[in-house]
């Protein structure tokens, strides 16, 4: 993923091999995931983000 750090948003198909949920400092839930594909594996953190209106979405941060 380092090769793409300056290119904006990317998409991938990966296998979820591990997952944990935790609460961050504000008390909201987050997920810490281990994902892998044919080129390797990485840890990803998913935060829940409030959007306008009542809908929410998730934001993925790679590590």
N, C-alpha and C. Protein backbone atom coordinates (compact mmCIF):
# COMPACT_ATOMS: atom_id res chain seq x y z
N UNK A 1 0.81 -1.19 0.00
CA UNK A 1 0.00 0.00 0.00
C UNK A 1 0.86 1.26 0.00
N UNK A 2 2.10 1.19 0.44
CA UNK A 2 2.93 2.38 0.45
C UNK A 2 3.11 2.96 -0.94
N UNK A 3 3.12 2.10 -1.97
CA UNK A 3 3.29 2.58 -3.34
C UNK A 3 2.16 3.49 -3.79
N UNK A 4 1.02 3.44 -3.13
CA UNK A 4 -0.16 4.19 -3.53
C UNK A 4 -0.48 5.35 -2.59
N UNK A 5 0.37 5.66 -1.65
CA UNK A 5 0.05 6.64 -0.62
C UNK A 5 -0.23 8.03 -1.16
N UNK A 6 0.31 8.40 -2.31
CA UNK A 6 0.09 9.73 -2.84
C UNK A 6 -0.89 9.76 -4.01
N UNK A 7 -1.59 8.68 -4.24
CA UNK A 7 -2.47 8.60 -5.41
C UNK A 7 -3.95 8.66 -5.07
N UNK A 8 -4.32 8.94 -3.84
CA UNK A 8 -5.72 9.06 -3.49
C UNK A 8 -6.37 7.72 -3.18
N UNK A 9 -7.64 7.63 -3.43
CA UNK A 9 -8.46 6.47 -3.11
C UNK A 9 -8.15 5.29 -4.04
N UNK A 10 -8.00 4.10 -3.45
CA UNK A 10 -7.82 2.89 -4.24
C UNK A 10 -8.84 1.85 -3.80
N UNK A 11 -9.07 0.87 -4.61
CA UNK A 11 -9.97 -0.24 -4.29
C UNK A 11 -9.20 -1.54 -4.38
N UNK A 12 -9.61 -2.51 -3.56
CA UNK A 12 -8.98 -3.82 -3.61
C UNK A 12 -9.98 -4.88 -3.20
N UNK A 13 -9.72 -6.09 -3.58
CA UNK A 13 -10.48 -7.24 -3.09
C UNK A 13 -9.52 -8.01 -2.20
N UNK A 14 -9.91 -8.21 -0.94
CA UNK A 14 -9.00 -8.84 0.02
C UNK A 14 -9.78 -9.79 0.91
N UNK A 15 -9.08 -10.70 1.52
CA UNK A 15 -9.63 -11.66 2.46
C UNK A 15 -9.46 -11.10 3.86
N UNK A 16 -10.52 -11.06 4.63
CA UNK A 16 -10.47 -10.63 6.03
C UNK A 16 -10.02 -11.83 6.86
N UNK A 17 -8.83 -11.73 7.48
CA UNK A 17 -8.28 -12.86 8.22
C UNK A 17 -8.41 -12.72 9.73
N UNK A 18 -8.55 -11.50 10.24
CA UNK A 18 -8.75 -11.25 11.67
C UNK A 18 -9.59 -10.00 11.84
N UNK A 19 -10.26 -9.88 12.96
CA UNK A 19 -11.01 -8.67 13.25
C UNK A 19 -11.32 -8.52 14.73
N UNK A 20 -11.24 -7.30 15.20
CA UNK A 20 -11.57 -6.97 16.59
C UNK A 20 -12.34 -5.66 16.60
N UNK A 21 -13.25 -5.50 17.54
CA UNK A 21 -13.88 -4.20 17.73
C UNK A 21 -13.40 -3.62 19.05
N UNK A 22 -13.25 -2.32 19.05
CA UNK A 22 -12.82 -1.59 20.25
C UNK A 22 -13.55 -0.26 20.31
N UNK A 23 -13.39 0.40 21.41
CA UNK A 23 -13.92 1.76 21.53
C UNK A 23 -12.76 2.72 21.60
N UNK A 24 -12.84 3.80 20.82
CA UNK A 24 -11.75 4.77 20.88
C UNK A 24 -12.03 5.80 21.97
N UNK A 25 -11.19 6.80 22.12
CA UNK A 25 -11.23 7.73 23.24
C UNK A 25 -12.58 8.42 23.41
N UNK A 26 -13.30 8.69 22.33
CA UNK A 26 -14.61 9.34 22.42
C UNK A 26 -15.72 8.36 22.77
N UNK A 27 -15.39 7.07 22.83
CA UNK A 27 -16.37 6.05 23.18
C UNK A 27 -17.05 5.41 21.99
N UNK A 28 -16.77 5.87 20.78
CA UNK A 28 -17.37 5.28 19.59
C UNK A 28 -16.64 3.99 19.22
N UNK A 29 -17.37 3.08 18.58
CA UNK A 29 -16.76 1.82 18.19
C UNK A 29 -15.90 1.98 16.95
N UNK A 30 -14.88 1.13 16.85
CA UNK A 30 -14.02 1.05 15.68
C UNK A 30 -13.64 -0.40 15.51
N UNK A 31 -13.22 -0.77 14.31
CA UNK A 31 -12.79 -2.15 14.04
C UNK A 31 -11.34 -2.14 13.60
N UNK A 32 -10.58 -3.09 14.09
CA UNK A 32 -9.21 -3.29 13.65
C UNK A 32 -9.20 -4.62 12.90
N UNK A 33 -8.83 -4.56 11.63
CA UNK A 33 -8.92 -5.72 10.75
C UNK A 33 -7.55 -6.09 10.20
N UNK A 34 -7.33 -7.35 9.95
CA UNK A 34 -6.16 -7.83 9.21
C UNK A 34 -6.71 -8.32 7.89
N UNK A 35 -6.27 -7.71 6.79
CA UNK A 35 -6.73 -8.12 5.46
C UNK A 35 -5.52 -8.56 4.64
N UNK A 36 -5.77 -9.48 3.71
CA UNK A 36 -4.67 -9.95 2.86
C UNK A 36 -5.17 -10.25 1.45
N UNK A 37 -4.26 -10.08 0.50
CA UNK A 37 -4.52 -10.46 -0.88
C UNK A 37 -3.28 -11.18 -1.40
N UNK A 38 -3.18 -11.36 -2.70
CA UNK A 38 -2.07 -12.12 -3.27
C UNK A 38 -0.72 -11.41 -3.09
N UNK A 39 -0.73 -10.09 -2.85
CA UNK A 39 0.53 -9.36 -2.73
C UNK A 39 1.01 -9.23 -1.28
N UNK A 40 0.18 -9.56 -0.30
CA UNK A 40 0.59 -9.46 1.10
C UNK A 40 -0.57 -9.17 2.02
N UNK A 41 -0.26 -8.71 3.24
CA UNK A 41 -1.30 -8.41 4.21
C UNK A 41 -1.01 -7.07 4.87
N UNK A 42 -2.07 -6.48 5.46
CA UNK A 42 -1.94 -5.20 6.15
C UNK A 42 -3.02 -5.12 7.22
N UNK A 43 -2.83 -4.23 8.15
CA UNK A 43 -3.83 -3.95 9.17
C UNK A 43 -4.62 -2.74 8.72
N UNK A 44 -5.92 -2.78 8.93
CA UNK A 44 -6.79 -1.66 8.55
C UNK A 44 -7.65 -1.29 9.76
N UNK A 45 -7.93 -0.02 9.90
CA UNK A 45 -8.79 0.47 10.99
C UNK A 45 -10.02 1.10 10.35
N UNK A 46 -11.20 0.71 10.81
CA UNK A 46 -12.45 1.21 10.27
C UNK A 46 -13.15 2.02 11.35
N UNK A 47 -13.43 3.30 11.03
CA UNK A 47 -14.15 4.18 11.95
C UNK A 47 -15.55 4.42 11.39
N UNK A 48 -16.50 4.57 12.27
CA UNK A 48 -17.84 4.92 11.86
C UNK A 48 -17.92 6.44 11.83
N UNK A 49 -18.40 7.00 10.73
CA UNK A 49 -18.42 8.44 10.53
C UNK A 49 -19.86 8.89 10.33
N UNK A 50 -20.29 9.90 11.11
CA UNK A 50 -21.63 10.45 10.95
C UNK A 50 -21.67 11.33 9.70
N UNK A 51 -22.74 11.21 8.93
CA UNK A 51 -22.92 12.04 7.75
C UNK A 51 -24.13 12.93 7.95
N UNK A 52 -24.39 13.82 7.04
CA UNK A 52 -25.56 14.67 7.17
C UNK A 52 -26.83 13.82 7.15
N UNK A 53 -27.79 14.18 7.94
CA UNK A 53 -29.00 13.38 8.07
C UNK A 53 -28.80 12.27 9.08
N UNK A 54 -29.56 11.20 8.98
CA UNK A 54 -29.49 10.13 9.96
C UNK A 54 -28.59 8.97 9.54
N UNK A 55 -28.14 8.96 8.30
CA UNK A 55 -27.32 7.84 7.81
C UNK A 55 -25.90 7.94 8.34
N UNK A 56 -25.26 6.81 8.51
CA UNK A 56 -23.84 6.77 8.87
C UNK A 56 -23.10 5.95 7.84
N UNK A 57 -21.82 6.13 7.80
CA UNK A 57 -20.98 5.39 6.87
C UNK A 57 -19.70 4.98 7.61
N UNK A 58 -18.90 4.14 7.01
CA UNK A 58 -17.64 3.72 7.62
C UNK A 58 -16.48 4.27 6.81
N UNK A 59 -15.42 4.62 7.50
CA UNK A 59 -14.21 5.10 6.84
C UNK A 59 -13.08 4.16 7.18
N UNK A 60 -12.39 3.70 6.16
CA UNK A 60 -11.29 2.76 6.32
C UNK A 60 -9.96 3.49 6.27
N UNK A 61 -9.13 3.25 7.28
CA UNK A 61 -7.78 3.81 7.32
C UNK A 61 -6.82 2.64 7.29
N UNK A 62 -5.84 2.64 6.40
CA UNK A 62 -4.90 1.53 6.36
C UNK A 62 -3.69 1.84 7.22
N UNK A 63 -3.05 0.78 7.69
CA UNK A 63 -1.91 0.97 8.59
C UNK A 63 -0.66 0.38 8.07
